[in-house]
PDB file of N, CA and C in Angstrom:
ATOM      1  N   LEU A   1      -3.139   0.901 -25.308  1.00  0.00           N
ATOM      2  CA  LEU A   1      -3.264   1.582 -23.754  1.00  0.00           C
ATOM      3  C   LEU A   1      -3.522   3.385 -24.202  1.00  0.00           C
ATOM      4  N   LYS A   2      -3.343   3.287 -25.671  1.00  0.00           N
ATOM      5  CA  LYS A   2      -4.226   4.407 -26.137  1.00  0.00           C
ATOM      6  C   LYS A   2      -5.890   4.705 -26.064  1.00  0.00           C
ATOM      7  N   LYS A   3      -6.643   3.522 -26.907  1.00  0.00           N
ATOM      8  CA  LYS A   3      -7.681   3.564 -26.661  1.00  0.00           C
ATOM      9  C   LYS A   3      -8.231   4.024 -25.708  1.00  0.00           C
ATOM     10  N   ILE A   4      -7.294   2.894 -24.573  1.00  0.00           N
ATOM     11  CA  ILE A   4      -9.006   2.578 -22.747  1.00  0.00           C
ATOM     12  C   ILE A   4      -8.825   4.430 -22.413  1.00  0.00           C
ATOM     13  N   LYS A   5      -7.062   4.541 -22.735  1.00  0.00           N
ATOM     14  CA  LYS A   5      -6.350   5.997 -21.472  1.00  0.00           C
ATOM     15  C   LYS A   5      -7.441   6.819 -22.097  1.00  0.00           C
ATOM     16  N   GLU A   6      -8.297   7.159 -23.758  1.00  0.00           N
ATOM     17  CA  GLU A   6      -8.913   7.908 -24.177  1.00  0.00           C
ATOM     18  C   GLU A   6     -10.352   7.305 -23.729  1.00  0.00           C
ATOM     19  N   ASN A   7     -10.647   6.067 -23.548  1.00  0.00           N
ATOM     20  CA  ASN A   7     -12.443   5.601 -23.491  1.00  0.00           C
ATOM     21  C   ASN A   7     -12.761   6.116 -21.250  1.00  0.00           C
ATOM     22  N   ARG A   8     -11.357   5.691 -20.482  1.00  0.00           N
ATOM     23  CA  ARG A   8     -11.251   5.389 -19.503  1.00  0.00           C
ATOM     24  C   ARG A   8     -11.907   7.253 -18.575  1.00  0.00           C
ATOM     25  N   ASP A   9     -12.095   7.173 -17.466  1.00  0.00           N
ATOM     26  CA  ASP A   9     -12.783   7.893 -16.501  1.00  0.00           C
ATOM     27  C   ASP A   9     -11.409   8.455 -16.109  1.00  0.00           C
ATOM     28  N   ASN A  10     -10.782  10.105 -17.278  1.00  0.00           N
ATOM     29  CA  ASN A  10      -9.468   9.562 -16.221  1.00  0.00           C
ATOM     30  C   ASN A  10      -9.608  10.901 -15.208  1.00  0.00           C
ATOM     31  N   THR A  11     -10.926  11.670 -14.752  1.00  0.00           N
ATOM     32  CA  THR A  11     -11.146  12.370 -13.428  1.00  0.00           C
ATOM     33  C   THR A  11     -11.101  10.956 -12.332  1.00  0.00           C
ATOM     34  N   LYS A  12     -11.635   9.988 -12.435  1.00  0.00           N
ATOM     35  CA  LYS A  12     -11.305   8.607 -11.215  1.00  0.00           C
ATOM     36  C   LYS A  12     -10.588   7.853 -11.200  1.00  0.00           C
ATOM     37  N   VAL A  13      -9.685   7.840 -12.728  1.00  0.00           N
ATOM     38  CA  VAL A  13      -7.976   8.301 -11.913  1.00  0.00           C
ATOM     39  C   VAL A  13      -7.489   8.919 -11.390  1.00  0.00           C
ATOM     40  N   LYS A  14      -7.389   9.910 -11.983  1.00  0.00           N
ATOM     41  CA  LYS A  14      -6.399  10.316 -11.517  1.00  0.00           C
ATOM     42  C   LYS A  14      -6.741  10.704  -9.732  1.00  0.00           C
ATOM     43  N   ASN A  15      -8.352  10.591  -9.041  1.00  0.00           N
ATOM     44  CA  ASN A  15      -8.270  10.657  -8.018  1.00  0.00           C
ATOM     45  C   ASN A  15      -8.273   9.687  -7.247  1.00  0.00           C
ATOM     46  N   ILE A  16      -8.720   8.744  -7.864  1.00  0.00           N
ATOM     47  CA  ILE A  16      -7.987   7.245  -6.962  1.00  0.00           C
ATOM     48  C   ILE A  16      -6.294   7.632  -7.117  1.00  0.00           C
ATOM     49  N   LEU A  17      -5.421   7.919  -7.750  1.00  0.00           N
ATOM     50  CA  LEU A  17      -4.202   7.481  -7.478  1.00  0.00           C
ATOM     51  C   LEU A  17      -3.353   8.496  -6.333  1.00  0.00           C
ATOM     52  N   SER A  18      -4.338   9.457  -6.866  1.00  0.00           N
ATOM     53  CA  SER A  18      -4.390  10.435  -6.097  1.00  0.00           C
ATOM     54  C   SER A  18      -5.026  10.215  -4.034  1.00  0.00           C
ATOM     55  N   GLU A  19      -5.172   8.770  -4.612  1.00  0.00           N
ATOM     56  CA  GLU A  19      -5.744   8.540  -3.130  1.00  0.00           C
ATOM     57  C   GLU A  19      -4.700   7.558  -2.623  1.00  0.00           C
ATOM     58  N   LEU A  20      -4.496   6.775  -3.305  1.00  0.00           N
ATOM     59  CA  LEU A  20      -2.893   6.019  -3.064  1.00  0.00           C
ATOM     60  C   LEU A  20      -1.539   6.397  -3.137  1.00  0.00           C
ATOM     61  N   GLU A  21      -1.956   7.404  -3.522  1.00  0.00           N
ATOM     62  CA  GLU A  21      -0.552   9.004  -2.916  1.00  0.00           C
ATOM     63  C   GLU A  21      -0.591   8.753  -1.313  1.00  0.00           C
ATOM     64  N   LYS A  22      -1.949   9.487  -1.086  1.00  0.00           N
ATOM     65  CA  LYS A  22      -2.121   9.764   0.309  1.00  0.00           C
ATOM     66  C   LYS A  22      -1.774   8.858   1.483  1.00  0.00           C
ATOM     67  N   LYS A  23      -2.295   7.368   0.709  1.00  0.00           N
ATOM     68  CA  LYS A  23      -2.561   5.986   1.681  1.00  0.00           C
ATOM     69  C   LYS A  23      -1.418   5.445   1.306  1.00  0.00           C
ATOM     70  N   ALA A  24      -0.449   5.702   0.504  1.00  0.00           N
ATOM     71  CA  ALA A  24       0.877   4.586   0.826  1.00  0.00           C
ATOM     72  C   ALA A  24       2.417   5.956   1.673  1.00  0.00           C
ATOM     73  N   LYS A  25       1.842   7.182   2.320  1.00  0.00           N
ATOM     74  CA  LYS A  25       2.351   8.409   2.956  1.00  0.00           C
ATOM     75  C   LYS A  25       1.628   8.060   4.203  1.00  0.00           C
ATOM     76  N   GLY A  26       1.398   6.813   4.163  1.00  0.00           N
ATOM     77  CA  GLY A  26       0.400   7.038   5.908  1.00  0.00           C
ATOM     78  C   GLY A  26       0.663   5.527   6.140  1.00  0.00           C
ATOM     79  N   ASN A  27      -0.061   4.726   7.054  1.00  0.00           N
ATOM     80  CA  ASN A  27       0.273   2.983   7.028  1.00  0.00           C
ATOM     81  C   ASN A  27      -0.803   2.147   7.059  1.00  0.00           C
ATOM     82  N   SER A  28      -1.691   2.896   6.194  1.00  0.00           N
ATOM     83  CA  SER A  28      -2.829   2.167   5.118  1.00  0.00           C
ATOM     84  C   SER A  28      -2.199   0.668   4.129  1.00  0.00           C
ATOM     85  N   ASN A  29      -3.334  -0.690   4.666  1.00  0.00           N
ATOM     86  CA  ASN A  29      -3.162  -1.151   3.174  1.00  0.00           C
ATOM     87  C   ASN A  29      -2.675  -0.873   1.961  1.00  0.00           C
ATOM     88  N   LEU A  30      -2.328  -0.850   1.285  1.00  0.00           N
ATOM     89  CA  LEU A  30      -2.159   0.034  -0.250  1.00  0.00           C
ATOM     90  C   LEU A  30      -3.375  -1.201  -1.274  1.00  0.00           C
ATOM     91  N   MET A  31      -3.420  -2.419  -1.038  1.00  0.00           N
ATOM     92  CA  MET A  31      -3.836  -3.093  -1.607  1.00  0.00           C
ATOM     93  C   MET A  31      -5.324  -2.509  -2.350  1.00  0.00           C
ATOM     94  N   PRO A  32      -6.066  -2.435  -1.730  1.00  0.00           N
ATOM     95  CA  PRO A  32      -7.627  -2.676  -1.654  1.00  0.00           C
ATOM     96  C   PRO A  32      -7.712  -1.355  -2.947  1.00  0.00           C
ATOM     97  N   THR A  33      -6.670  -0.411  -2.393  1.00  0.00           N
ATOM     98  CA  THR A  33      -6.945   1.245  -3.285  1.00  0.00           C
ATOM     99  C   THR A  33      -5.771   0.866  -5.483  1.00  0.00           C
ATOM    100  N   ILE A  34      -5.035  -0.258  -4.859  1.00  0.00           N
ATOM    101  CA  ILE A  34      -4.504  -0.529  -6.517  1.00  0.00           C
ATOM    102  C   ILE A  34      -4.786  -1.232  -7.179  1.00  0.00           C
ATOM    103  N   LEU A  35      -5.827  -1.977  -5.862  1.00  0.00           N
ATOM    104  CA  LEU A  35      -6.939  -2.898  -7.332  1.00  0.00           C
ATOM    105  C   LEU A  35      -7.894  -1.877  -7.510  1.00  0.00           C
ATOM    106  N   GLU A  36      -8.999  -1.234  -6.879  1.00  0.00           N
ATOM    107  CA  GLU A  36      -9.591  -0.001  -6.924  1.00  0.00           C
ATOM    108  C   GLU A  36      -8.691   0.822  -8.441  1.00  0.00           C
ATOM    109  N   ALA A  37      -7.798   0.903  -8.398  1.00  0.00           N
ATOM    110  CA  ALA A  37      -6.718   2.242  -9.502  1.00  0.00           C
ATOM    111  C   ALA A  37      -7.493   0.772 -11.198  1.00  0.00           C
ATOM    112  N   VAL A  38      -6.140   0.003 -10.538  1.00  0.00           N
ATOM    113  CA  VAL A  38      -6.536  -1.417 -11.897  1.00  0.00           C
ATOM    114  C   VAL A  38      -8.019  -1.547 -12.705  1.00  0.00           C
ATOM    115  N   LYS A  39      -9.290  -1.741 -11.843  1.00  0.00           N
ATOM    116  CA  LYS A  39     -10.238  -1.746 -12.084  1.00  0.00           C
ATOM    117  C   LYS A  39     -10.857  -0.335 -12.657  1.00  0.00           C
ATOM    118  N   SER A  40     -10.482   0.694 -12.553  1.00  0.00           N
ATOM    119  CA  SER A  40     -10.580   2.291 -13.548  1.00  0.00           C
ATOM    120  C   SER A  40      -9.456   2.370 -14.237  1.00  0.00           C
ATOM    121  N   TYR A  41      -8.935   1.449 -15.051  1.00  0.00           N
ATOM    122  CA  TYR A  41      -8.272   1.781 -16.147  1.00  0.00           C
ATOM    123  C   TYR A  41      -6.559   2.311 -15.897  1.00  0.00           C
ATOM    124  N   ALA A  42      -5.753   2.156 -14.675  1.00  0.00           N
ATOM    125  CA  ALA A  42      -5.218   3.185 -14.665  1.00  0.00           C
ATOM    126  C   ALA A  42      -3.632   2.364 -15.459  1.00  0.00           C
ATOM    127  N   SER A  43      -2.955   2.499 -15.960  1.00  0.00           N
ATOM    128  CA  SER A  43      -1.548   1.943 -16.189  1.00  0.00           C
ATOM    129  C   SER A  43      -0.728   1.334 -15.207  1.00  0.00           C
ATOM    130  N   ILE A  44      -0.189   0.483 -15.380  1.00  0.00           N
ATOM    131  CA  ILE A  44       1.217   0.176 -14.130  1.00  0.00           C
ATOM    132  C   ILE A  44       2.106   1.135 -14.414  1.00  0.00           C
ATOM    133  N   GLY A  45       1.949   2.028 -15.130  1.00  0.00           N
ATOM    134  CA  GLY A  45       3.006   2.931 -15.102  1.00  0.00           C
ATOM    135  C   GLY A  45       2.578   3.825 -14.210  1.00  0.00           C
ATOM    136  N   GLU A  46       1.435   4.246 -14.583  1.00  0.00           N
ATOM    137  CA  GLU A  46       0.526   5.397 -13.252  1.00  0.00           C
ATOM    138  C   GLU A  46       0.850   4.670 -11.992  1.00  0.00           C
ATOM    139  N   ILE A  47       0.205   3.971 -11.579  1.00  0.00           N
ATOM    140  CA  ILE A  47       0.421   3.338 -10.357  1.00  0.00           C
ATOM    141  C   ILE A  47       2.158   3.337  -9.694  1.00  0.00           C
ATOM    142  N   THR A  48       3.113   2.788 -10.445  1.00  0.00           N
ATOM    143  CA  THR A  48       4.391   2.372 -10.179  1.00  0.00           C
ATOM    144  C   THR A  48       5.033   3.851  -9.678  1.00  0.00           C
ATOM    145  N   ASN A  49       4.144   4.637 -11.036  1.00  0.00           N
ATOM    146  CA  ASN A  49       5.258   6.261 -10.915  1.00  0.00           C
ATOM    147  C   ASN A  49       4.730   6.876  -9.515  1.00  0.00           C
ATOM    148  N   THR A  50       2.895   6.932  -9.309  1.00  0.00           N
ATOM    149  CA  THR A  50       2.949   7.144  -7.926  1.00  0.00           C
ATOM    150  C   THR A  50       3.000   6.887  -6.938  1.00  0.00           C
ATOM    151  N   LEU A  51       3.623   4.940  -6.631  1.00  0.00           N
ATOM    152  CA  LEU A  51       4.163   4.981  -5.780  1.00  0.00           C
ATOM    153  C   LEU A  51       5.920   4.879  -5.323  1.00  0.00           C
ATOM    154  N   ARG A  52       6.156   5.784  -6.786  1.00  0.00           N
ATOM    155  CA  ARG A  52       7.863   5.825  -7.061  1.00  0.00           C
ATOM    156  C   ARG A  52       7.727   7.234  -6.210  1.00  0.00           C
ATOM    157  N   LYS A  53       6.974   7.942  -6.491  1.00  0.00           N
ATOM    158  CA  LYS A  53       7.045   8.943  -5.694  1.00  0.00           C
ATOM    159  C   LYS A  53       7.579   9.147  -4.087  1.00  0.00           C
ATOM    160  N   VAL A  54       6.617   8.187  -4.177  1.00  0.00           N
ATOM    161  CA  VAL A  54       6.473   8.372  -1.991  1.00  0.00           C
ATOM    162  C   VAL A  54       7.640   7.432  -1.670  1.00  0.00           C
ATOM    163  N   PHE A  55       8.098   6.209  -2.337  1.00  0.00           N
ATOM    164  CA  PHE A  55       9.043   5.838  -1.625  1.00  0.00           C
ATOM    165  C   PHE A  55      10.162   5.021  -2.314  1.00  0.00           C
ATOM    166  N   GLY A  56      10.626   6.377  -3.602  1.00  0.00           N
ATOM    167  CA  GLY A  56      11.678   6.129  -3.952  1.00  0.00           C
ATOM    168  C   GLY A  56      11.663   4.389  -4.703  1.00  0.00           C
ATOM    169  N   GLU A  57      13.018   4.443  -5.237  1.00  0.00           N
ATOM    170  CA  GLU A  57      13.342   3.801  -6.089  1.00  0.00           C
ATOM    171  C   GLU A  57      14.771   3.021  -5.947  1.00  0.00           C
ATOM    172  N   TYR A  58      14.544   1.326  -6.018  1.00  0.00           N
ATOM    173  CA  TYR A  58      15.512   1.035  -5.309  1.00  0.00           C
ATOM    174  C   TYR A  58      16.607   0.583  -5.689  1.00  0.00           C
ATOM    175  N   LYS A  59      17.761   0.945  -5.219  1.00  0.00           N
ATOM    176  CA  LYS A  59      18.725   0.998  -6.229  1.00  0.00           C
ATOM    177  C   LYS A  59      20.140  -0.090  -5.395  1.00  0.00           C
ATOM    178  N   GLU A  60      20.349  -0.861  -6.525  1.00  0.00           N
ATOM    179  CA  GLU A  60      21.371  -1.866  -5.979  1.00  0.00           C
ATOM    180  C   GLU A  60      22.715  -1.140  -5.955  1.00  0.00           C
ATOM    181  N   ASN A  61      23.474  -1.765  -4.359  1.00  0.00           N
ATOM    182  CA  ASN A  61      25.012  -1.192  -4.574  1.00  0.00           C
ATOM    183  C   ASN A  61      25.977  -2.248  -4.969  1.00  0.00           C
ATOM    184  N   ILE A  62      26.388  -2.023  -6.367  1.00  0.00           N
ATOM    185  CA  ILE A  62      27.573  -3.194  -6.971  1.00  0.00           C
ATOM    186  C   ILE A  62      28.942  -2.688  -6.151  1.00  0.00           C
ATOM    187  N   VAL A  63      28.738  -4.838  -5.466  1.00  0.00           N
ATOM    188  CA  VAL A  63      30.151  -5.056  -5.227  1.00  0.00           C
ATOM    189  C   VAL A  63      31.132  -5.601  -6.085  1.00  0.00           C
ATOM    190  N   LEU A  64      32.176  -5.264  -6.210  1.00  0.00           N
ATOM    191  CA  LEU A  64      33.142  -6.085  -6.603  1.00  0.00           C
ATOM    192  C   LEU A  64      34.116  -6.914  -5.890  1.00  0.00           C
TER     193      LEU A  64
END
């Protein structure tokens, strides 16, 4: 992962993740942008963290 991050176009990844965040705030289809991020070698963590910023994280209510 470290090698991939060193050799990828980090500016492109940053721009795509920014675009993903913007689209997630609207009503756009996110899949094409997610695929573009993957093709640009964005990590799953980077993609999910971007989406988590917009949508939050699900916390299950524990019922006893």
